[in-house]
């Protein structure tokens, strides 16, 4: 936690071979190949320290711990992202429609966002732990 990636060049110009060199195999599968980790297996699913969640690929800040909640779904859940730091895309894979969440800086797959009634913003960002890094709040 807290070790931001050191990229060899601007993430917009990195090749898949470049990404393979800076990401772990699990991160590469999740972030660059739109994979999903098993529920309840990620390091952040039941983690509630104060701080900021960053993209594990490029280091861009994505979510504040103030927006994280216990969804009991097995993945970290947030009710909002930092404005402008994620992009949303239609995902019609697996015979269903979902909304994919990607990092706006490097385009990496974070997972999906859902419309729900039981959180204050009406949004439920369900994110892979492998897609995140965490920097604790300095006290």
N, C-alpha and C. Protein backbone atom coordinates (compact mmCIF):
# COMPACT_ATOMS: atom_id res chain seq x y z
N UNK A 1 0.84 -1.19 0.00
CA UNK A 1 0.00 0.00 0.00
C UNK A 1 0.88 1.24 0.00
N UNK A 2 0.44 2.22 -0.74
CA UNK A 2 1.12 3.50 -0.73
C UNK A 2 2.28 3.60 -1.71
N UNK A 3 2.66 2.53 -2.39
CA UNK A 3 3.74 2.59 -3.36
C UNK A 3 3.15 2.85 -4.74
N UNK A 4 3.16 4.11 -5.15
CA UNK A 4 2.60 4.46 -6.45
C UNK A 4 3.52 3.92 -7.55
N UNK A 5 2.94 3.48 -8.66
CA UNK A 5 3.74 2.92 -9.75
C UNK A 5 4.68 3.96 -10.35
N UNK A 6 5.83 3.50 -10.78
CA UNK A 6 6.78 4.36 -11.48
C UNK A 6 6.73 3.96 -12.95
N UNK A 7 6.05 4.77 -13.71
CA UNK A 7 5.84 4.44 -15.13
C UNK A 7 7.00 4.92 -15.98
N UNK A 8 7.41 4.13 -16.98
CA UNK A 8 8.52 4.52 -17.83
C UNK A 8 8.19 5.66 -18.79
N UNK A 9 6.89 5.90 -19.02
CA UNK A 9 6.46 6.97 -19.92
C UNK A 9 5.00 7.31 -19.64
N UNK A 10 4.50 8.31 -20.31
CA UNK A 10 3.10 8.72 -20.18
C UNK A 10 2.20 7.50 -20.41
N UNK A 11 1.23 7.23 -19.50
CA UNK A 11 0.39 6.04 -19.65
C UNK A 11 -0.36 5.96 -20.98
N UNK A 12 -0.64 7.09 -21.60
CA UNK A 12 -1.34 7.07 -22.89
C UNK A 12 -0.51 6.42 -23.99
N UNK A 13 0.80 6.38 -23.80
CA UNK A 13 1.70 5.85 -24.83
C UNK A 13 2.31 4.50 -24.46
N UNK A 14 1.85 3.91 -23.36
CA UNK A 14 2.40 2.63 -22.94
C UNK A 14 1.77 1.49 -23.73
N UNK A 15 2.60 0.54 -24.11
CA UNK A 15 2.13 -0.66 -24.81
C UNK A 15 1.73 -1.71 -23.77
N UNK A 16 1.09 -2.76 -24.22
CA UNK A 16 0.75 -3.84 -23.29
C UNK A 16 2.01 -4.48 -22.71
N UNK A 17 3.08 -4.53 -23.49
CA UNK A 17 4.35 -5.05 -22.96
C UNK A 17 4.88 -4.15 -21.86
N UNK A 18 4.75 -2.83 -22.01
CA UNK A 18 5.15 -1.90 -20.95
C UNK A 18 4.35 -2.17 -19.68
N UNK A 19 3.03 -2.35 -19.82
CA UNK A 19 2.18 -2.59 -18.66
C UNK A 19 2.56 -3.89 -17.97
N UNK A 20 2.88 -4.91 -18.72
CA UNK A 20 3.27 -6.20 -18.13
C UNK A 20 4.53 -6.07 -17.27
N UNK A 21 5.38 -5.12 -17.59
CA UNK A 21 6.62 -4.92 -16.84
C UNK A 21 6.39 -4.19 -15.52
N UNK A 22 5.34 -3.36 -15.43
CA UNK A 22 5.14 -2.56 -14.21
C UNK A 22 4.01 -3.07 -13.31
N UNK A 23 3.18 -3.97 -13.81
CA UNK A 23 2.06 -4.49 -13.02
C UNK A 23 2.32 -5.95 -12.65
N UNK A 24 1.75 -6.36 -11.52
CA UNK A 24 1.79 -7.78 -11.17
C UNK A 24 0.88 -8.53 -12.15
N UNK A 25 1.02 -9.85 -12.26
CA UNK A 25 0.11 -10.59 -13.14
C UNK A 25 -1.37 -10.38 -12.78
N UNK A 26 -1.70 -10.34 -11.50
CA UNK A 26 -3.09 -10.11 -11.09
C UNK A 26 -3.55 -8.71 -11.49
N UNK A 27 -2.71 -7.70 -11.27
CA UNK A 27 -3.07 -6.34 -11.67
C UNK A 27 -3.23 -6.25 -13.18
N UNK A 28 -2.34 -6.86 -13.92
CA UNK A 28 -2.43 -6.82 -15.38
C UNK A 28 -3.74 -7.45 -15.85
N UNK A 29 -4.07 -8.61 -15.31
CA UNK A 29 -5.31 -9.30 -15.68
C UNK A 29 -6.53 -8.41 -15.39
N UNK A 30 -6.53 -7.77 -14.24
CA UNK A 30 -7.66 -6.94 -13.83
C UNK A 30 -7.70 -5.62 -14.60
N UNK A 31 -6.62 -4.88 -14.55
CA UNK A 31 -6.59 -3.52 -15.09
C UNK A 31 -6.53 -3.45 -16.62
N UNK A 32 -5.80 -4.34 -17.24
CA UNK A 32 -5.58 -4.24 -18.68
C UNK A 32 -6.38 -5.25 -19.49
N UNK A 33 -6.87 -6.32 -18.83
CA UNK A 33 -7.64 -7.35 -19.53
C UNK A 33 -9.07 -7.46 -19.00
N UNK A 34 -9.50 -6.47 -18.21
CA UNK A 34 -10.87 -6.39 -17.69
C UNK A 34 -11.26 -7.61 -16.86
N UNK A 35 -10.31 -8.13 -16.11
CA UNK A 35 -10.59 -9.27 -15.24
C UNK A 35 -11.26 -8.83 -13.94
N UNK A 36 -11.72 -9.80 -13.18
CA UNK A 36 -12.34 -9.55 -11.88
C UNK A 36 -11.79 -10.55 -10.89
N UNK A 37 -11.43 -10.04 -9.72
CA UNK A 37 -10.93 -10.93 -8.67
C UNK A 37 -12.10 -11.65 -8.00
N UNK A 38 -11.80 -12.74 -7.32
CA UNK A 38 -12.84 -13.47 -6.59
C UNK A 38 -13.39 -12.60 -5.46
N UNK A 39 -14.69 -12.68 -5.19
CA UNK A 39 -15.26 -11.89 -4.09
C UNK A 39 -14.61 -12.28 -2.76
N UNK A 40 -14.49 -11.30 -1.89
CA UNK A 40 -13.94 -11.45 -0.54
C UNK A 40 -12.46 -11.83 -0.53
N UNK A 41 -11.77 -11.70 -1.67
CA UNK A 41 -10.37 -12.09 -1.74
C UNK A 41 -9.42 -10.90 -1.77
N UNK A 42 -9.90 -9.72 -2.11
CA UNK A 42 -9.04 -8.56 -2.28
C UNK A 42 -8.68 -7.89 -0.97
N UNK A 43 -7.54 -7.22 -0.97
CA UNK A 43 -7.03 -6.61 0.26
C UNK A 43 -7.86 -5.43 0.76
N UNK A 44 -8.72 -4.84 -0.07
CA UNK A 44 -9.47 -3.67 0.35
C UNK A 44 -10.97 -3.91 0.57
N UNK A 45 -11.46 -5.15 0.41
CA UNK A 45 -12.90 -5.36 0.52
C UNK A 45 -13.41 -5.08 1.93
N UNK A 46 -12.62 -5.34 2.94
CA UNK A 46 -13.04 -5.11 4.33
C UNK A 46 -12.02 -4.21 5.02
N UNK A 47 -11.66 -3.14 4.37
CA UNK A 47 -10.61 -2.21 4.81
C UNK A 47 -11.22 -0.82 4.87
N UNK A 48 -11.12 -0.15 6.03
CA UNK A 48 -11.81 1.13 6.19
C UNK A 48 -10.94 2.22 6.81
N UNK A 49 -9.64 2.22 6.53
CA UNK A 49 -8.77 3.28 7.02
C UNK A 49 -9.06 4.58 6.27
N UNK A 50 -8.69 5.70 6.87
CA UNK A 50 -8.87 7.01 6.24
C UNK A 50 -7.74 7.27 5.26
N UNK A 51 -8.10 7.72 4.07
CA UNK A 51 -7.10 8.04 3.07
C UNK A 51 -7.70 8.11 1.69
N UNK A 52 -6.85 7.88 0.71
CA UNK A 52 -7.25 8.01 -0.69
C UNK A 52 -6.88 6.74 -1.46
N UNK A 53 -7.82 6.30 -2.29
CA UNK A 53 -7.59 5.14 -3.17
C UNK A 53 -7.16 5.64 -4.54
N UNK A 54 -6.08 5.05 -5.05
CA UNK A 54 -5.49 5.46 -6.31
C UNK A 54 -5.53 4.31 -7.31
N UNK A 55 -5.43 4.63 -8.59
CA UNK A 55 -5.31 3.63 -9.63
C UNK A 55 -3.98 2.89 -9.44
N UNK A 56 -4.03 1.57 -9.37
CA UNK A 56 -2.81 0.78 -9.19
C UNK A 56 -1.92 0.80 -10.43
N UNK A 57 -2.45 1.22 -11.57
CA UNK A 57 -1.65 1.27 -12.79
C UNK A 57 -0.89 2.59 -12.91
N UNK A 58 -1.57 3.72 -12.76
CA UNK A 58 -0.93 5.01 -13.02
C UNK A 58 -0.81 5.92 -11.80
N UNK A 59 -1.46 5.58 -10.71
CA UNK A 59 -1.35 6.38 -9.49
C UNK A 59 -2.36 7.50 -9.35
N UNK A 60 -3.23 7.71 -10.31
CA UNK A 60 -4.22 8.79 -10.19
C UNK A 60 -5.19 8.52 -9.04
N UNK A 61 -5.48 9.54 -8.24
CA UNK A 61 -6.46 9.42 -7.16
C UNK A 61 -7.84 9.18 -7.76
N UNK A 62 -8.59 8.22 -7.18
CA UNK A 62 -9.89 7.83 -7.73
C UNK A 62 -11.04 7.98 -6.74
N UNK A 63 -10.82 7.52 -5.49
CA UNK A 63 -11.89 7.48 -4.50
C UNK A 63 -11.35 7.90 -3.14
N UNK A 64 -12.14 8.67 -2.41
CA UNK A 64 -11.81 9.01 -1.03
C UNK A 64 -12.41 7.95 -0.10
N UNK A 65 -11.72 7.69 0.99
CA UNK A 65 -12.26 6.74 1.97
C UNK A 65 -13.59 7.23 2.55
N UNK A 66 -13.85 8.52 2.47
CA UNK A 66 -15.13 9.08 2.95
C UNK A 66 -16.32 8.54 2.16
N UNK A 67 -16.07 8.04 0.96
CA UNK A 67 -17.15 7.55 0.11
C UNK A 67 -17.25 6.03 0.10
N UNK A 68 -16.40 5.36 0.86
CA UNK A 68 -16.39 3.89 0.91
C UNK A 68 -17.43 3.42 1.92
N UNK A 69 -18.10 2.33 1.60
CA UNK A 69 -19.09 1.77 2.52
C UNK A 69 -19.05 0.26 2.48
N UNK A 70 -19.58 -0.37 3.51
CA UNK A 70 -19.61 -1.83 3.61
C UNK A 70 -20.83 -2.34 2.86
N UNK A 71 -20.59 -2.87 1.69
CA UNK A 71 -21.68 -3.34 0.85
C UNK A 71 -21.95 -4.83 1.05
N UNK A 72 -21.02 -5.51 1.70
CA UNK A 72 -21.09 -6.95 1.91
C UNK A 72 -21.19 -7.72 0.58
N UNK A 73 -20.62 -7.14 -0.48
CA UNK A 73 -20.65 -7.80 -1.79
C UNK A 73 -19.35 -8.52 -2.10
N UNK A 74 -18.31 -8.29 -1.29
CA UNK A 74 -17.04 -8.96 -1.51
C UNK A 74 -15.99 -8.14 -2.22
N UNK A 75 -16.35 -6.93 -2.67
CA UNK A 75 -15.42 -6.02 -3.31
C UNK A 75 -15.54 -4.66 -2.64
N UNK A 76 -14.49 -3.83 -2.70
CA UNK A 76 -14.61 -2.47 -2.19
C UNK A 76 -15.75 -1.74 -2.89
N UNK A 77 -16.53 -1.00 -2.12
CA UNK A 77 -17.68 -0.27 -2.68
C UNK A 77 -17.60 1.20 -2.28
N UNK A 78 -17.88 2.07 -3.23
CA UNK A 78 -17.85 3.52 -3.03
C UNK A 78 -19.14 4.10 -3.59
N UNK A 79 -19.60 5.22 -3.01
CA UNK A 79 -20.83 5.82 -3.55
C UNK A 79 -20.54 7.00 -4.49
N UNK A 80 -19.26 7.35 -4.65
CA UNK A 80 -18.89 8.37 -5.63
C UNK A 80 -17.39 8.30 -5.88
N UNK A 81 -16.99 8.84 -7.02
CA UNK A 81 -15.57 8.91 -7.38
C UNK A 81 -15.13 10.37 -7.34
N UNK A 82 -13.83 10.58 -7.43
CA UNK A 82 -13.34 11.96 -7.55
C UNK A 82 -13.73 12.48 -8.92
N UNK A 83 -14.29 13.66 -8.95
CA UNK A 83 -14.82 14.23 -10.19
C UNK A 83 -13.77 14.26 -11.30
N UNK A 84 -14.14 13.67 -12.43
CA UNK A 84 -13.30 13.68 -13.61
C UNK A 84 -12.21 12.62 -13.65
N UNK A 85 -12.08 11.82 -12.58
CA UNK A 85 -10.98 10.87 -12.52
C UNK A 85 -11.34 9.45 -12.96
N UNK A 86 -12.62 9.23 -13.26
CA UNK A 86 -13.03 7.97 -13.86
C UNK A 86 -13.92 8.28 -15.06
N UNK A 87 -13.95 7.33 -15.98
CA UNK A 87 -14.86 7.42 -17.12
C UNK A 87 -15.77 6.21 -17.09
N UNK A 88 -16.97 6.38 -17.63
CA UNK A 88 -17.97 5.31 -17.64
C UNK A 88 -18.23 4.88 -19.08
N UNK A 89 -18.37 3.56 -19.26
CA UNK A 89 -18.54 3.00 -20.61
C UNK A 89 -19.58 1.89 -20.56
N UNK A 90 -20.42 1.83 -21.59
CA UNK A 90 -21.37 0.72 -21.70
C UNK A 90 -20.61 -0.58 -21.86
N UNK A 91 -21.03 -1.60 -21.14
CA UNK A 91 -20.42 -2.94 -21.21
C UNK A 91 -21.55 -3.94 -21.41
N UNK A 92 -21.60 -4.52 -22.59
CA UNK A 92 -22.65 -5.48 -22.92
C UNK A 92 -22.13 -6.91 -22.98
N UNK A 93 -21.03 -7.17 -22.30
CA UNK A 93 -20.46 -8.52 -22.28
C UNK A 93 -21.31 -9.46 -21.42
N UNK A 94 -21.13 -10.74 -21.64
CA UNK A 94 -21.81 -11.79 -20.87
C UNK A 94 -23.33 -11.70 -20.95
N UNK A 95 -23.86 -11.15 -22.04
CA UNK A 95 -25.30 -11.12 -22.27
C UNK A 95 -26.08 -10.19 -21.37
N UNK A 96 -25.41 -9.20 -20.79
CA UNK A 96 -26.12 -8.24 -19.92
C UNK A 96 -25.52 -6.85 -20.12
N UNK A 97 -26.29 -5.85 -19.72
CA UNK A 97 -25.78 -4.48 -19.79
C UNK A 97 -25.31 -4.04 -18.41
N UNK A 98 -24.08 -3.55 -18.36
CA UNK A 98 -23.51 -2.96 -17.15
C UNK A 98 -22.77 -1.70 -17.56
N UNK A 99 -22.35 -0.92 -16.58
CA UNK A 99 -21.57 0.28 -16.85
C UNK A 99 -20.17 0.06 -16.26
N UNK A 100 -19.20 -0.01 -17.16
CA UNK A 100 -17.81 -0.22 -16.76
C UNK A 100 -17.20 1.09 -16.28
N UNK A 101 -16.33 1.01 -15.28
CA UNK A 101 -15.60 2.16 -14.75
C UNK A 101 -14.14 2.00 -15.14
N UNK A 102 -13.57 3.07 -15.72
CA UNK A 102 -12.16 3.07 -16.10
C UNK A 102 -11.47 4.31 -15.53
N UNK A 103 -10.19 4.20 -15.29
CA UNK A 103 -9.38 5.35 -14.87
C UNK A 103 -9.31 6.33 -16.04
N UNK A 104 -9.56 7.61 -15.79
CA UNK A 104 -9.56 8.59 -16.88
C UNK A 104 -8.15 8.92 -17.36
N UNK A 105 -7.14 8.63 -16.56
CA UNK A 105 -5.77 8.95 -16.96
C UNK A 105 -5.14 7.86 -17.83
N UNK A 106 -5.30 6.60 -17.44
CA UNK A 106 -4.61 5.52 -18.18
C UNK A 106 -5.57 4.55 -18.87
N UNK A 107 -6.88 4.69 -18.63
CA UNK A 107 -7.85 3.84 -19.29
C UNK A 107 -7.99 2.45 -18.69
N UNK A 108 -7.38 2.21 -17.55
CA UNK A 108 -7.44 0.88 -16.95
C UNK A 108 -8.83 0.56 -16.40
N UNK A 109 -9.20 -0.70 -16.52
CA UNK A 109 -10.48 -1.24 -16.04
C UNK A 109 -10.46 -1.32 -14.52
N UNK A 110 -11.47 -0.72 -13.89
CA UNK A 110 -11.58 -0.76 -12.43
C UNK A 110 -12.67 -1.74 -12.01
N UNK A 111 -13.76 -1.76 -12.66
CA UNK A 111 -14.86 -2.73 -12.65
C UNK A 111 -16.14 -2.03 -13.06
N UNK A 112 -17.21 -2.02 -12.23
CA UNK A 112 -18.51 -1.50 -12.67
C UNK A 112 -19.17 -0.59 -11.64
N UNK A 113 -20.11 0.21 -12.12
CA UNK A 113 -20.95 1.04 -11.25
C UNK A 113 -22.40 0.67 -11.51
N UNK A 114 -23.18 0.66 -10.44
CA UNK A 114 -24.58 0.26 -10.52
C UNK A 114 -25.46 1.35 -9.93
N UNK A 115 -26.66 1.49 -10.47
CA UNK A 115 -27.67 2.39 -9.90
C UNK A 115 -28.39 1.63 -8.80
N UNK A 116 -28.41 2.20 -7.60
CA UNK A 116 -29.07 1.57 -6.46
C UNK A 116 -29.82 2.62 -5.66
N UNK A 117 -30.81 2.19 -4.91
CA UNK A 117 -31.60 3.12 -4.11
C UNK A 117 -31.09 3.28 -2.68
N UNK A 118 -30.27 2.33 -2.21
CA UNK A 118 -29.96 2.32 -0.79
C UNK A 118 -28.65 2.99 -0.39
N UNK A 119 -28.07 3.82 -1.26
CA UNK A 119 -26.93 4.66 -0.88
C UNK A 119 -27.26 6.10 -1.22
N UNK A 120 -26.63 7.04 -0.52
CA UNK A 120 -27.03 8.45 -0.64
C UNK A 120 -26.92 9.03 -2.04
N UNK A 121 -25.96 8.57 -2.85
CA UNK A 121 -25.79 9.12 -4.19
C UNK A 121 -26.55 8.35 -5.25
N UNK A 122 -27.05 7.16 -4.90
CA UNK A 122 -27.73 6.32 -5.88
C UNK A 122 -26.78 5.54 -6.77
N UNK A 123 -25.48 5.66 -6.50
CA UNK A 123 -24.45 4.96 -7.29
C UNK A 123 -23.66 4.03 -6.38
N UNK A 124 -23.31 2.88 -6.92
CA UNK A 124 -22.54 1.89 -6.20
C UNK A 124 -21.39 1.49 -7.09
N UNK A 125 -20.22 2.06 -6.81
CA UNK A 125 -19.00 1.71 -7.54
C UNK A 125 -18.43 0.46 -6.88
N UNK A 126 -18.48 -0.65 -7.57
CA UNK A 126 -17.98 -1.94 -7.08
C UNK A 126 -16.63 -2.15 -7.77
N UNK A 127 -15.53 -2.04 -7.01
CA UNK A 127 -14.19 -1.93 -7.60
C UNK A 127 -13.29 -3.08 -7.15
N UNK A 128 -12.46 -3.58 -8.04
CA UNK A 128 -11.49 -4.63 -7.70
C UNK A 128 -10.38 -4.06 -6.81
N UNK A 129 -10.03 -4.78 -5.75
CA UNK A 129 -8.88 -4.38 -4.93
C UNK A 129 -7.60 -4.33 -5.75
N UNK A 130 -7.45 -5.27 -6.69
CA UNK A 130 -6.25 -5.32 -7.52
C UNK A 130 -6.09 -4.07 -8.38
N UNK A 131 -7.16 -3.33 -8.58
CA UNK A 131 -7.11 -2.11 -9.39
C UNK A 131 -6.73 -0.89 -8.56
N UNK A 132 -6.61 -1.08 -7.25
CA UNK A 132 -6.42 0.06 -6.35
C UNK A 132 -5.11 -0.01 -5.58
N UNK A 133 -4.63 1.17 -5.23
CA UNK A 133 -3.58 1.34 -4.24
C UNK A 133 -4.14 2.33 -3.22
N UNK A 134 -3.59 2.35 -2.04
CA UNK A 134 -4.14 3.18 -0.97
C UNK A 134 -3.03 4.00 -0.34
N UNK A 135 -3.31 5.30 -0.15
CA UNK A 135 -2.41 6.18 0.58
C UNK A 135 -3.16 6.65 1.82
N UNK A 136 -2.63 6.32 3.01
CA UNK A 136 -3.32 6.73 4.25
C UNK A 136 -3.32 8.24 4.43
N UNK A 137 -4.32 8.71 5.15
CA UNK A 137 -4.44 10.12 5.47
C UNK A 137 -3.35 10.47 6.47
N UNK A 138 -2.63 11.56 6.23
CA UNK A 138 -1.59 12.01 7.16
C UNK A 138 -2.26 12.74 8.31
N UNK A 139 -1.92 12.32 9.51
CA UNK A 139 -2.56 12.93 10.70
C UNK A 139 -1.65 13.87 11.39
